[in-house]
Amino acid sequence: MRVCLPVLGLLSLFSVACGGADEGRFAYVETETEDPEPCDADRGYESFSLVDFEPHELAGGDTSINVQCNPELASSCDFYFNYDSASSPPNPTRGYARGDDCLELAVDDDAEVMTSPRVGQSTFEAQEIPEGRCGEDGYGLNIVTENVGMCYGADGRLGWGAALDVTFSGPPLDASDWDGIAFWVRKGEGGSQKPAIIVQFVDPNTSGTEDPETGEPATCDASDPALGEQPVPDSEKCDAFGTAVTLTDDWSFVATRFEDLAQKGFGVVSPLGHLKLDEINRMQIFMSAGSANFWLDDIALFREEATE
């Protein structure tokens, strides 16, 4: 078992998106460090849970396994699962035909798309983790994709893949007192065809929306072009702060420090030069085009424990 420390670099390429738009290519390297006690890797940190994926009691006494954010969170929290349907083979289960920008298939002619959660789903159930996490029973989220974004479009690129969004609003997430966001992750049964996922964070400078307080226009473009229109040039696109995270066969604790996050380098540079920690609008977990299968558990803010 290994603890994975994500690092940015130049090795391989990812296609990612913001709200479904192709934001460019993400370069990354994955660095792995051996740890003799990987299941204790979260020791030494204070934490505040954002999403624990465990069953919770509803008003009236019933129990629900629908995923929810911590009720103690000051922000409201919404989920959304999406994939690049315009650049994907058909999805008969959801009634989706072959995508409008699917000019050339990168898979067999009879290939179909499947995702769990389903595309467009904003409420979904956690699943009991087989054999538990590090020997303890519990629930997590098993994300599975097959053949998403596996078409070459008019720009000659494969689709951007799929994404799970966790949106914080009313107000945005204030993480200014914390070092970063941590979570547990491992490959699903049978492994994943992808070596890594991308975790990124959207703030007012990288969201593509106008400032609600001042009315100032957006500094970058996160929109999808209409069918038949040219895509937004990469240099004008929103470029969120993020990092790549290695997927391994065993559970790994990933502590993603805000100070280590970086923009990918293709789009509009944030005027701050770093993530606006007191106004995080969205956390996004991206899977590149193709197929993936991994488990996610216990997303939380973290910081170093205070020492006397």
C-alpha atoms as a PDB file:
ATOM      1  CA  MET A   1       0.000   0.000   0.000  1.00  0.00           C
ATOM      2  CA  ARG A   2       1.236   3.463  -0.891  1.00  0.00           C
ATOM      3  CA  VAL A   3       0.579   7.053   0.023  1.00  0.00           C
ATOM      4  CA  CYS A   4       0.533   9.209  -3.096  1.00  0.00           C
ATOM      5  CA  LEU A   5       1.738  12.788  -3.103  1.00  0.00           C
ATOM      6  CA  PRO A   6       0.452  14.560  -6.219  1.00  0.00           C
ATOM      7  CA  VAL A   7       2.887  16.744  -8.139  1.00  0.00           C
ATOM      8  CA  LEU A   8       2.579  18.800 -11.327  1.00  0.00           C
ATOM      9  CA  GLY A   9       5.030  18.205 -14.160  1.00  0.00           C
ATOM     10  CA  LEU A  10       5.444  17.293 -17.815  1.00  0.00           C
ATOM     11  CA  LEU A  11       4.889  13.651 -18.648  1.00  0.00           C
ATOM     12  CA  SER A  12       1.468  12.809 -20.046  1.00  0.00           C
ATOM     13  CA  LEU A  13      -1.618  14.685 -21.207  1.00  0.00           C
ATOM     14  CA  PHE A  14      -5.127  14.902 -19.854  1.00  0.00           C
ATOM     15  CA  SER A  15      -8.195  16.504 -21.440  1.00  0.00           C
ATOM     16  CA  VAL A  16     -10.324  18.298 -18.863  1.00  0.00           C
ATOM     17  CA  ALA A  17     -13.279  20.640 -18.738  1.00  0.00           C
ATOM     18  CA  CYS A  18     -15.082  23.275 -16.733  1.00  0.00           C
ATOM     19  CA  GLY A  19     -18.830  22.817 -16.850  1.00  0.00           C
ATOM     20  CA  GLY A  20     -18.390  20.589 -19.880  1.00  0.00           C
ATOM     21  CA  ALA A  21     -16.116  22.892 -21.895  1.00  0.00           C
ATOM     22  CA  ASP A  22     -12.756  21.625 -23.128  1.00  0.00           C
ATOM     23  CA  GLU A  23     -10.259  23.679 -21.137  1.00  0.00           C
ATOM     24  CA  GLY A  24      -7.100  22.340 -22.725  1.00  0.00           C
ATOM     25  CA  ARG A  25      -4.488  19.739 -21.978  1.00  0.00           C
ATOM     26  CA  PHE A  26      -3.200  18.991 -18.504  1.00  0.00           C
ATOM     27  CA  ALA A  27       0.392  17.862 -18.023  1.00  0.00           C
ATOM     28  CA  TYR A  28       1.224  15.844 -14.930  1.00  0.00           C
ATOM     29  CA  VAL A  29       3.547  13.392 -13.306  1.00  0.00           C
ATOM     30  CA  GLU A  30       2.620  11.011 -10.534  1.00  0.00           C
ATOM     31  CA  THR A  31       4.973  10.563  -7.604  1.00  0.00           C
ATOM     32  CA  GLU A  32       4.574   7.717  -5.137  1.00  0.00           C
ATOM     33  CA  THR A  33       6.252   7.372  -1.765  1.00  0.00           C
ATOM     34  CA  GLU A  34       6.343   4.231   0.301  1.00  0.00           C
ATOM     35  CA  ASP A  35       4.869   4.457   3.783  1.00  0.00           C
ATOM     36  CA  PRO A  36       5.136   1.621   6.332  1.00  0.00           C
ATOM     37  CA  GLU A  37       1.743   2.506   7.830  1.00  0.00           C
ATOM     38  CA  PRO A  38      -0.396   3.888   4.968  1.00  0.00           C
ATOM     39  CA  CYS A  39      -3.655   3.434   6.872  1.00  0.00           C
ATOM     40  CA  ASP A  40      -2.331   5.846   9.506  1.00  0.00           C
ATOM     41  CA  ALA A  41      -1.331   8.446   6.926  1.00  0.00           C
ATOM     42  CA  ASP A  42      -3.997  10.890   8.116  1.00  0.00           C
ATOM     43  CA  ARG A  43      -2.514  11.106  11.611  1.00  0.00           C
ATOM     44  CA  GLY A  44      -1.024  14.439  12.590  1.00  0.00           C
ATOM     45  CA  TYR A  45      -3.773  16.448  10.905  1.00  0.00           C
ATOM     46  CA  GLU A  46      -6.792  18.316  12.183  1.00  0.00           C
ATOM     47  CA  SER A  47      -9.719  17.953   9.817  1.00  0.00           C
ATOM     48  CA  PHE A  48     -13.219  19.169   9.067  1.00  0.00           C
ATOM     49  CA  SER A  49     -15.337  16.721   7.107  1.00  0.00           C
ATOM     50  CA  LEU A  50     -16.943  17.940   3.871  1.00  0.00           C
ATOM     51  CA  VAL A  51     -18.361  14.625   2.608  1.00  0.00           C
ATOM     52  CA  ASP A  52     -18.031  11.341   4.525  1.00  0.00           C
ATOM     53  CA  PHE A  53     -20.355   9.180   2.331  1.00  0.00           C
ATOM     54  CA  GLU A  54     -21.791   7.444   5.413  1.00  0.00           C
ATOM     55  CA  PRO A  55     -25.522   6.733   5.929  1.00  0.00           C
ATOM     56  CA  HIS A  56     -27.320   9.506   7.780  1.00  0.00           C
ATOM     57  CA  GLU A  57     -30.583   9.822   9.649  1.00  0.00           C
ATOM     58  CA  LEU A  58     -33.449  11.758   8.113  1.00  0.00           C
ATOM     59  CA  ALA A  59     -36.182  13.653   9.896  1.00  0.00           C
ATOM     60  CA  GLY A  60     -38.636  11.032  11.038  1.00  0.00           C
ATOM     61  CA  GLY A  61     -35.976   8.460  11.851  1.00  0.00           C
ATOM     62  CA  ASP A  62     -35.373   6.907   8.422  1.00  0.00           C
ATOM     63  CA  THR A  63     -31.810   6.293   7.224  1.00  0.00           C
ATOM     64  CA  SER A  64     -30.527   7.490   3.850  1.00  0.00           C
ATOM     65  CA  ILE A  65     -27.399   6.572   1.895  1.00  0.00           C
ATOM     66  CA  ASN A  66     -27.795   9.512  -0.503  1.00  0.00           C
ATOM     67  CA  VAL A  67     -24.515  11.417  -0.570  1.00  0.00           C
ATOM     68  CA  GLN A  68     -24.637  14.730   1.291  1.00  0.00           C
ATOM     69  CA  CYS A  69     -22.193  17.317   2.585  1.00  0.00           C
ATOM     70  CA  ASN A  70     -21.593  17.825   6.276  1.00  0.00           C
ATOM     71  CA  PRO A  71     -24.693  19.619   7.703  1.00  0.00           C
ATOM     72  CA  GLU A  72     -22.311  21.735   9.817  1.00  0.00           C
ATOM     73  CA  LEU A  73     -20.798  23.242   6.665  1.00  0.00           C
ATOM     74  CA  ALA A  74     -21.608  26.959   6.382  1.00  0.00           C
ATOM     75  CA  SER A  75     -22.016  26.661   2.598  1.00  0.00           C
ATOM     76  CA  SER A  76     -24.775  24.828   0.811  1.00  0.00           C
ATOM     77  CA  CYS A  77     -23.439  21.921  -1.202  1.00  0.00           C
ATOM     78  CA  ASP A  78     -24.634  20.453  -4.512  1.00  0.00           C
ATOM     79  CA  PHE A  79     -23.373  17.576  -6.654  1.00  0.00           C
ATOM     80  CA  TYR A  80     -23.402  17.024 -10.393  1.00  0.00           C
ATOM     81  CA  PHE A  81     -21.967  14.274 -12.612  1.00  0.00           C
ATOM     82  CA  ASN A  82     -21.281  15.034 -16.252  1.00  0.00           C
ATOM     83  CA  TYR A  83     -19.369  13.712 -19.254  1.00  0.00           C
ATOM     84  CA  ASP A  84     -18.551  14.930 -22.751  1.00  0.00           C
ATOM     85  CA  SER A  85     -21.620  13.561 -24.528  1.00  0.00           C
ATOM     86  CA  ALA A  86     -20.907  15.596 -27.685  1.00  0.00           C
ATOM     87  CA  SER A  87     -17.653  13.660 -28.190  1.00  0.00           C
ATOM     88  CA  SER A  88     -18.822  10.217 -27.074  1.00  0.00           C
ATOM     89  CA  PRO A  89     -20.338   7.043 -28.553  1.00  0.00           C
ATOM     90  CA  PRO A  90     -24.037   6.463 -27.848  1.00  0.00           C
ATOM     91  CA  ASN A  91     -25.451   5.851 -24.365  1.00  0.00           C
ATOM     92  CA  PRO A  92     -28.607   3.750 -24.953  1.00  0.00           C
ATOM     93  CA  THR A  93     -29.386   3.499 -21.228  1.00  0.00           C
ATOM     94  CA  ARG A  94     -29.840   7.283 -21.076  1.00  0.00           C
ATOM     95  CA  GLY A  95     -31.272   7.622 -24.586  1.00  0.00           C
ATOM     96  CA  TYR A  96     -28.207   9.490 -25.922  1.00  0.00           C
ATOM     97  CA  ALA A  97     -27.302   9.031 -29.580  1.00  0.00           C
ATOM     98  CA  ARG A  98     -23.744   9.298 -30.852  1.00  0.00           C
ATOM     99  CA  GLY A  99     -22.430  12.776 -30.021  1.00  0.00           C
ATOM    100  CA  ASP A 100     -22.791  15.682 -32.439  1.00  0.00           C
ATOM    101  CA  ASP A 101     -19.013  16.235 -32.466  1.00  0.00           C
ATOM    102  CA  CYS A 102     -18.139  12.548 -32.773  1.00  0.00           C
ATOM    103  CA  LEU A 103     -16.511  12.701 -36.203  1.00  0.00           C
ATOM    104  CA  GLU A 104     -14.267   9.662 -35.749  1.00  0.00           C
ATOM    105  CA  LEU A 105     -14.550   6.892 -33.163  1.00  0.00           C
ATOM    106  CA  ALA A 106     -11.467   5.964 -31.113  1.00  0.00           C
ATOM    107  CA  VAL A 107     -13.160   2.681 -30.094  1.00  0.00           C
ATOM    108  CA  ASP A 108     -15.070  -0.103 -31.837  1.00  0.00           C
ATOM    109  CA  ASP A 109     -18.098   0.882 -33.921  1.00  0.00           C
ATOM    110  CA  ASP A 110     -20.454  -0.875 -31.493  1.00  0.00           C
ATOM    111  CA  ALA A 111     -18.956   0.742 -28.365  1.00  0.00           C
ATOM    112  CA  GLU A 112     -21.400   2.286 -25.888  1.00  0.00           C
ATOM    113  CA  VAL A 113     -21.040   4.666 -22.958  1.00  0.00           C
ATOM    114  CA  MET A 114     -21.866   3.759 -19.364  1.00  0.00           C
ATOM    115  CA  THR A 115     -21.273   5.842 -16.247  1.00  0.00           C
ATOM    116  CA  SER A 116     -22.030   5.511 -12.562  1.00  0.00           C
ATOM    117  CA  PRO A 117     -23.234   7.982 -11.339  1.00  0.00           C
ATOM    118  CA  ARG A 118     -25.392   8.606 -14.408  1.00  0.00           C
ATOM    119  CA  VAL A 119     -24.850  11.676 -16.558  1.00  0.00           C
ATOM    120  CA  GLY A 120     -26.736  14.689 -15.192  1.00  0.00           C
ATOM    121  CA  GLN A 121     -27.247  13.031 -11.830  1.00  0.00           C
ATOM    122  CA  SER A 122     -27.178  15.419  -8.868  1.00  0.00           C
ATOM    123  CA  THR A 123     -28.312  12.994  -6.167  1.00  0.00           C
ATOM    124  CA  PHE A 124     -26.751   9.569  -5.866  1.00  0.00           C
ATOM    125  CA  GLU A 125     -26.206   6.809  -3.353  1.00  0.00           C
ATOM    126  CA  ALA A 126     -22.971   5.825  -1.626  1.00  0.00           C
ATOM    127  CA  GLN A 127     -22.020   2.155  -1.669  1.00  0.00           C
ATOM    128  CA  GLU A 128     -20.705  -0.140   1.041  1.00  0.00           C
ATOM    129  CA  ILE A 129     -16.957  -0.573   0.497  1.00  0.00           C
ATOM    130  CA  PRO A 130     -16.062  -4.231  -0.190  1.00  0.00           C
ATOM    131  CA  GLU A 131     -13.915  -5.456   2.724  1.00  0.00           C
ATOM    132  CA  GLY A 132     -14.021  -1.926   4.124  1.00  0.00           C
ATOM    133  CA  ARG A 133     -11.261   0.669   4.105  1.00  0.00           C
ATOM    134  CA  CYS A 134      -8.123  -0.379   5.928  1.00  0.00           C
ATOM    135  CA  GLY A 135     -10.073  -3.148   7.643  1.00  0.00           C
ATOM    136  CA  GLU A 136     -12.953  -0.944   8.849  1.00  0.00           C
ATOM    137  CA  ASP A 137     -16.470  -1.171   7.416  1.00  0.00           C
ATOM    138  CA  GLY A 138     -17.872   1.936   5.797  1.00  0.00           C
ATOM    139  CA  TYR A 139     -19.333   3.580   2.714  1.00  0.00           C
ATOM    140  CA  GLY A 140     -17.712   5.422  -0.171  1.00  0.00           C
ATOM    141  CA  LEU A 141     -18.441   6.408  -3.766  1.00  0.00           C
ATOM    142  CA  ASN A 142     -17.470   4.038  -6.593  1.00  0.00           C
ATOM    143  CA  ILE A 143     -17.137   6.064  -9.814  1.00  0.00           C
ATOM    144  CA  VAL A 144     -17.159   4.052 -13.049  1.00  0.00           C
ATOM    145  CA  THR A 145     -16.944   5.258 -16.650  1.00  0.00           C
ATOM    146  CA  GLU A 146     -16.747   3.361 -19.936  1.00  0.00           C
ATOM    147  CA  ASN A 147     -15.871   4.871 -23.328  1.00  0.00           C
ATOM    148  CA  VAL A 148     -16.608   8.502 -22.388  1.00  0.00           C
ATOM    149  CA  GLY A 149     -15.219  11.115 -24.769  1.00  0.00           C
ATOM    150  CA  MET A 150     -13.792   8.462 -27.103  1.00  0.00           C
ATOM    151  CA  CYS A 151     -14.389  10.382 -30.322  1.00  0.00           C
ATOM    152  CA  TYR A 152     -12.242  12.792 -32.277  1.00  0.00           C
ATOM    153  CA  GLY A 153     -14.077  16.059 -32.859  1.00  0.00           C
ATOM    154  CA  ALA A 154     -13.780  18.926 -35.315  1.00  0.00           C
ATOM    155  CA  ASP A 155     -10.685  20.171 -33.456  1.00  0.00           C
ATOM    156  CA  GLY A 156      -8.956  16.802 -33.897  1.00  0.00           C
ATOM    157  CA  ARG A 157      -8.972  16.072 -30.165  1.00  0.00           C
ATOM    158  CA  LEU A 158     -10.559  13.357 -28.093  1.00  0.00           C
ATOM    159  CA  GLY A 159     -13.374  14.448 -25.785  1.00  0.00           C
ATOM    160  CA  TRP A 160     -12.513  15.746 -22.327  1.00  0.00           C
ATOM    161  CA  GLY A 161     -13.888  12.782 -20.361  1.00  0.00           C
ATOM    162  CA  ALA A 162     -16.107  12.978 -17.267  1.00  0.00           C
ATOM    163  CA  ALA A 163     -16.325  14.991 -14.044  1.00  0.00           C
ATOM    164  CA  LEU A 164     -17.889  15.001 -10.601  1.00  0.00           C
ATOM    165  CA  ASP A 165     -18.600  18.550  -9.395  1.00  0.00           C
ATOM    166  CA  VAL A 166     -19.098  19.503  -5.756  1.00  0.00           C
ATOM    167  CA  THR A 167     -20.425  23.079  -5.777  1.00  0.00           C
ATOM    168  CA  PHE A 168     -20.349  25.340  -2.708  1.00  0.00           C
ATOM    169  CA  SER A 169     -22.689  28.317  -2.598  1.00  0.00           C
ATOM    170  CA  GLY A 170     -24.585  30.643  -0.292  1.00  0.00           C
ATOM    171  CA  PRO A 171     -21.738  31.446   0.597  1.00  0.00           C
ATOM    172  CA  PRO A 172     -18.782  29.807  -1.204  1.00  0.00           C
ATOM    173  CA  LEU A 173     -16.482  27.569   0.827  1.00  0.00           C
ATOM    174  CA  ASP A 174     -14.123  29.547   3.073  1.00  0.00           C
ATOM    175  CA  ALA A 175     -11.000  27.398   3.478  1.00  0.00           C
ATOM    176  CA  SER A 176      -8.640  30.203   4.477  1.00  0.00           C
ATOM    177  CA  ASP A 177      -7.928  28.627   7.879  1.00  0.00           C
ATOM    178  CA  TRP A 178      -6.937  25.277   6.353  1.00  0.00           C
ATOM    179  CA  ASP A 179      -3.886  23.849   4.580  1.00  0.00           C
ATOM    180  CA  GLY A 180      -5.803  21.967   1.908  1.00  0.00           C
ATOM    181  CA  ILE A 181      -8.369  19.287   1.081  1.00  0.00           C
ATOM    182  CA  ALA A 182      -7.710  15.604   1.736  1.00  0.00           C
ATOM    183  CA  PHE A 183      -9.466  12.377   0.766  1.00  0.00           C
ATOM    184  CA  TRP A 184      -8.969   8.623   0.470  1.00  0.00           C
ATOM    185  CA  VAL A 185      -8.890   6.946  -2.953  1.00  0.00           C
ATOM    186  CA  ARG A 186      -8.131   3.588  -4.581  1.00  0.00           C
ATOM    187  CA  LYS A 187      -8.739   1.765  -7.839  1.00  0.00           C
ATOM    188  CA  GLY A 188     -11.987  -0.160  -8.175  1.00  0.00           C
ATOM    189  CA  GLU A 189     -12.339  -3.881  -8.658  1.00  0.00           C
ATOM    190  CA  GLY A 190     -10.500  -4.922 -11.797  1.00  0.00           C
ATOM    191  CA  GLY A 191      -8.416  -1.771 -11.665  1.00  0.00           C
ATOM    192  CA  SER A 192      -8.687   1.359 -13.756  1.00  0.00           C
ATOM    193  CA  GLN A 193      -7.455   1.985 -17.261  1.00  0.00           C
ATOM    194  CA  LYS A 194      -6.383   5.452 -16.169  1.00  0.00           C
ATOM    195  CA  PRO A 195      -3.262   6.079 -14.054  1.00  0.00           C
ATOM    196  CA  ALA A 196      -4.583   9.224 -12.398  1.00  0.00           C
ATOM    197  CA  ILE A 197      -7.464  11.581 -11.834  1.00  0.00           C
ATOM    198  CA  ILE A 198      -7.385  15.380 -11.722  1.00  0.00           C
ATOM    199  CA  VAL A 199      -8.606  17.346  -8.715  1.00  0.00           C
ATOM    200  CA  GLN A 200      -9.126  21.056  -9.240  1.00  0.00           C
ATOM    201  CA  PHE A 201     -10.771  24.015  -7.554  1.00  0.00           C
ATOM    202  CA  VAL A 202     -12.715  26.898  -9.073  1.00  0.00           C
ATOM    203  CA  ASP A 203     -12.781  30.387  -7.526  1.00  0.00           C
ATOM    204  CA  PRO A 204     -14.268  33.707  -8.767  1.00  0.00           C
ATOM    205  CA  ASN A 205     -11.204  34.332 -10.958  1.00  0.00           C
ATOM    206  CA  THR A 206     -11.492  30.974 -12.752  1.00  0.00           C
ATOM    207  CA  SER A 207     -15.269  30.458 -12.920  1.00  0.00           C
ATOM    208  CA  GLY A 208     -16.122  32.417 -16.073  1.00  0.00           C
ATOM    209  CA  THR A 209     -18.903  34.370 -14.344  1.00  0.00           C
ATOM    210  CA  GLU A 210     -19.175  38.058 -13.500  1.00  0.00           C
ATOM    211  CA  ASP A 211     -18.438  39.307 -10.005  1.00  0.00           C
ATOM    212  CA  PRO A 212     -21.833  39.314  -8.211  1.00  0.00           C
ATOM    213  CA  GLU A 213     -20.759  42.134  -5.892  1.00  0.00           C
ATOM    214  CA  THR A 214     -19.176  44.553  -8.372  1.00  0.00           C
ATOM    215  CA  GLY A 215     -20.779  43.436 -11.638  1.00  0.00           C
ATOM    216  CA  GLU A 216     -17.330  43.249 -13.223  1.00  0.00           C
ATOM    217  CA  PRO A 217     -17.356  40.963 -16.284  1.00  0.00           C
ATOM    218  CA  ALA A 218     -15.727  37.543 -16.206  1.00  0.00           C
ATOM    219  CA  THR A 219     -12.019  37.516 -16.951  1.00  0.00           C
ATOM    220  CA  CYS A 220     -12.154  34.107 -18.662  1.00  0.00           C
ATOM    221  CA  ASP A 221     -14.571  32.032 -20.742  1.00  0.00           C
ATOM    222  CA  ALA A 222     -15.963  28.704 -19.482  1.00  0.00           C
ATOM    223  CA  SER A 223     -18.793  28.436 -22.006  1.00  0.00           C
ATOM    224  CA  ASP A 224     -19.473  25.656 -24.483  1.00  0.00           C
ATOM    225  CA  PRO A 225     -19.555  26.798 -28.123  1.00  0.00           C
ATOM    226  CA  ALA A 226     -22.833  26.294 -29.959  1.00  0.00           C
ATOM    227  CA  LEU A 227     -22.925  23.437 -32.431  1.00  0.00           C
ATOM    228  CA  GLY A 228     -21.071  24.455 -35.582  1.00  0.00           C
ATOM    229  CA  GLU A 229     -19.248  27.348 -33.927  1.00  0.00           C
ATOM    230  CA  GLN A 230     -15.510  27.472 -33.366  1.00  0.00           C
ATOM    231  CA  PRO A 231     -14.370  26.597 -29.824  1.00  0.00           C
ATOM    232  CA  VAL A 232     -13.101  29.339 -27.533  1.00  0.00           C
ATOM    233  CA  PRO A 233      -9.323  29.779 -28.017  1.00  0.00           C
ATOM    234  CA  ASP A 234      -7.347  28.110 -25.231  1.00  0.00           C
ATOM    235  CA  SER A 235      -5.792  31.459 -24.288  1.00  0.00           C
ATOM    236  CA  GLU A 236      -9.250  32.841 -23.399  1.00  0.00           C
ATOM    237  CA  LYS A 237     -10.476  29.854 -21.387  1.00  0.00           C
ATOM    238  CA  CYS A 238     -10.787  29.533 -17.621  1.00  0.00           C
ATOM    239  CA  ASP A 239      -7.868  27.690 -16.070  1.00  0.00           C
ATOM    240  CA  ALA A 240      -8.674  26.383 -12.596  1.00  0.00           C
ATOM    241  CA  PHE A 241      -6.098  25.479  -9.951  1.00  0.00           C
ATOM    242  CA  GLY A 242      -5.483  21.758  -9.694  1.00  0.00           C
ATOM    243  CA  THR A 243      -3.207  18.748  -9.462  1.00  0.00           C
ATOM    244  CA  ALA A 244      -3.053  15.118 -10.585  1.00  0.00           C
ATOM    245  CA  VAL A 245      -3.571  12.230  -8.159  1.00  0.00           C
ATOM    246  CA  THR A 246      -2.207   8.736  -8.733  1.00  0.00           C
ATOM    247  CA  LEU A 247      -4.597   5.784  -8.490  1.00  0.00           C
ATOM    248  CA  THR A 248      -3.255   2.674  -6.767  1.00  0.00           C
ATOM    249  CA  ASP A 249      -4.648  -0.770  -5.976  1.00  0.00           C
ATOM    250  CA  ASP A 250      -4.794  -0.031  -2.240  1.00  0.00           C
ATOM    251  CA  TRP A 251      -6.292   2.812  -0.269  1.00  0.00           C
ATOM    252  CA  SER A 252      -4.164   5.974  -0.314  1.00  0.00           C
ATOM    253  CA  PHE A 253      -4.616   9.114   1.746  1.00  0.00           C
ATOM    254  CA  VAL A 254      -4.104  12.173  -0.457  1.00  0.00           C
ATOM    255  CA  ALA A 255      -3.490  15.510   1.252  1.00  0.00           C
ATOM    256  CA  THR A 256      -3.836  18.155  -1.460  1.00  0.00           C
ATOM    257  CA  ARG A 257      -2.231  21.360  -0.178  1.00  0.00           C
ATOM    258  CA  PHE A 258      -3.622  24.598  -1.561  1.00  0.00           C
ATOM    259  CA  GLU A 259      -0.124  26.081  -1.857  1.00  0.00           C
ATOM    260  CA  ASP A 260       0.869  23.279  -4.241  1.00  0.00           C
ATOM    261  CA  LEU A 261      -2.031  23.784  -6.657  1.00  0.00           C
ATOM    262  CA  ALA A 262      -1.268  25.353 -10.030  1.00  0.00           C
ATOM    263  CA  GLN A 263      -3.064  26.480 -13.145  1.00  0.00           C
ATOM    264  CA  LYS A 264      -2.449  24.257 -16.144  1.00  0.00           C
ATOM    265  CA  GLY A 265      -0.857  27.087 -18.109  1.00  0.00           C
ATOM    266  CA  PHE A 266      -3.003  27.246 -21.254  1.00  0.00           C
ATOM    267  CA  GLY A 267      -5.714  29.736 -20.285  1.00  0.00           C
ATOM    268  CA  VAL A 268      -6.231  33.062 -18.539  1.00  0.00           C
ATOM    269  CA  VAL A 269      -3.849  33.621 -15.652  1.00  0.00           C
ATOM    270  CA  SER A 270      -5.553  34.376 -12.336  1.00  0.00           C
ATOM    271  CA  PRO A 271      -4.822  37.958 -11.196  1.00  0.00           C
ATOM    272  CA  LEU A 272      -4.171  36.611  -7.688  1.00  0.00           C
ATOM    273  CA  GLY A 273      -1.654  34.022  -8.839  1.00  0.00           C
ATOM    274  CA  HIS A 274      -3.143  31.511  -6.407  1.00  0.00           C
ATOM    275  CA  LEU A 275      -6.489  30.023  -5.394  1.00  0.00           C
ATOM    276  CA  LYS A 276      -8.777  32.463  -3.557  1.00  0.00           C
ATOM    277  CA  LEU A 277      -9.122  30.379  -0.413  1.00  0.00           C
ATOM    278  CA  ASP A 278     -11.995  32.300   1.155  1.00  0.00           C
ATOM    279  CA  GLU A 279     -14.191  31.836  -1.957  1.00  0.00           C
ATOM    280  CA  ILE A 280     -13.940  28.327  -3.367  1.00  0.00           C
ATOM    281  CA  ASN A 281     -16.936  27.859  -5.647  1.00  0.00           C
ATOM    282  CA  ARG A 282     -16.395  24.307  -6.766  1.00  0.00           C
ATOM    283  CA  MET A 283     -14.281  21.191  -6.327  1.00  0.00           C
ATOM    284  CA  GLN A 284     -14.028  19.037  -9.453  1.00  0.00           C
ATOM    285  CA  ILE A 285     -12.781  15.497  -9.931  1.00  0.00           C
ATOM    286  CA  PHE A 286     -11.955  14.699 -13.551  1.00  0.00           C
ATOM    287  CA  MET A 287     -11.494  11.425 -15.389  1.00  0.00           C
ATOM    288  CA  SER A 288      -9.962  11.664 -18.859  1.00  0.00           C
ATOM    289  CA  ALA A 289     -11.499  10.139 -21.987  1.00  0.00           C
ATOM    290  CA  GLY A 290     -11.864   6.362 -21.921  1.00  0.00           C
ATOM    291  CA  SER A 291     -12.770   4.169 -18.952  1.00  0.00           C
ATOM    292  CA  ALA A 292     -12.129   4.505 -15.228  1.00  0.00           C
ATOM    293  CA  ASN A 293     -13.074   2.691 -12.023  1.00  0.00           C
ATOM    294  CA  PHE A 294     -12.107   4.023  -8.600  1.00  0.00           C
ATOM    295  CA  TRP A 295     -13.374   4.563  -5.049  1.00  0.00           C
ATOM    296  CA  LEU A 296     -13.501   7.898  -3.223  1.00  0.00           C
ATOM    297  CA  ASP A 297     -14.006   8.401   0.523  1.00  0.00           C
ATOM    298  CA  ASP A 298     -13.892  10.993   3.316  1.00  0.00           C
ATOM    299  CA  ILE A 299     -13.317  14.365   1.644  1.00  0.00           C
ATOM    300  CA  ALA A 300     -12.222  16.872   4.302  1.00  0.00           C
ATOM    301  CA  LEU A 301     -10.394  20.140   4.910  1.00  0.00           C
ATOM    302  CA  PHE A 302      -7.141  19.551   6.776  1.00  0.00           C
ATOM    303  CA  ARG A 303      -4.303  21.365   8.526  1.00  0.00           C
ATOM    304  CA  GLU A 304      -1.325  20.405  10.610  1.00  0.00           C
ATOM    305  CA  GLU A 305      -2.168  19.666  14.240  1.00  0.00           C
ATOM    306  CA  ALA A 306      -1.174  22.466  16.563  1.00  0.00           C
ATOM    307  CA  THR A 307       1.868  21.662  18.697  1.00  0.00           C
ATOM    308  CA  GLU A 308       2.439  22.910  22.230  1.00  0.00           C
END
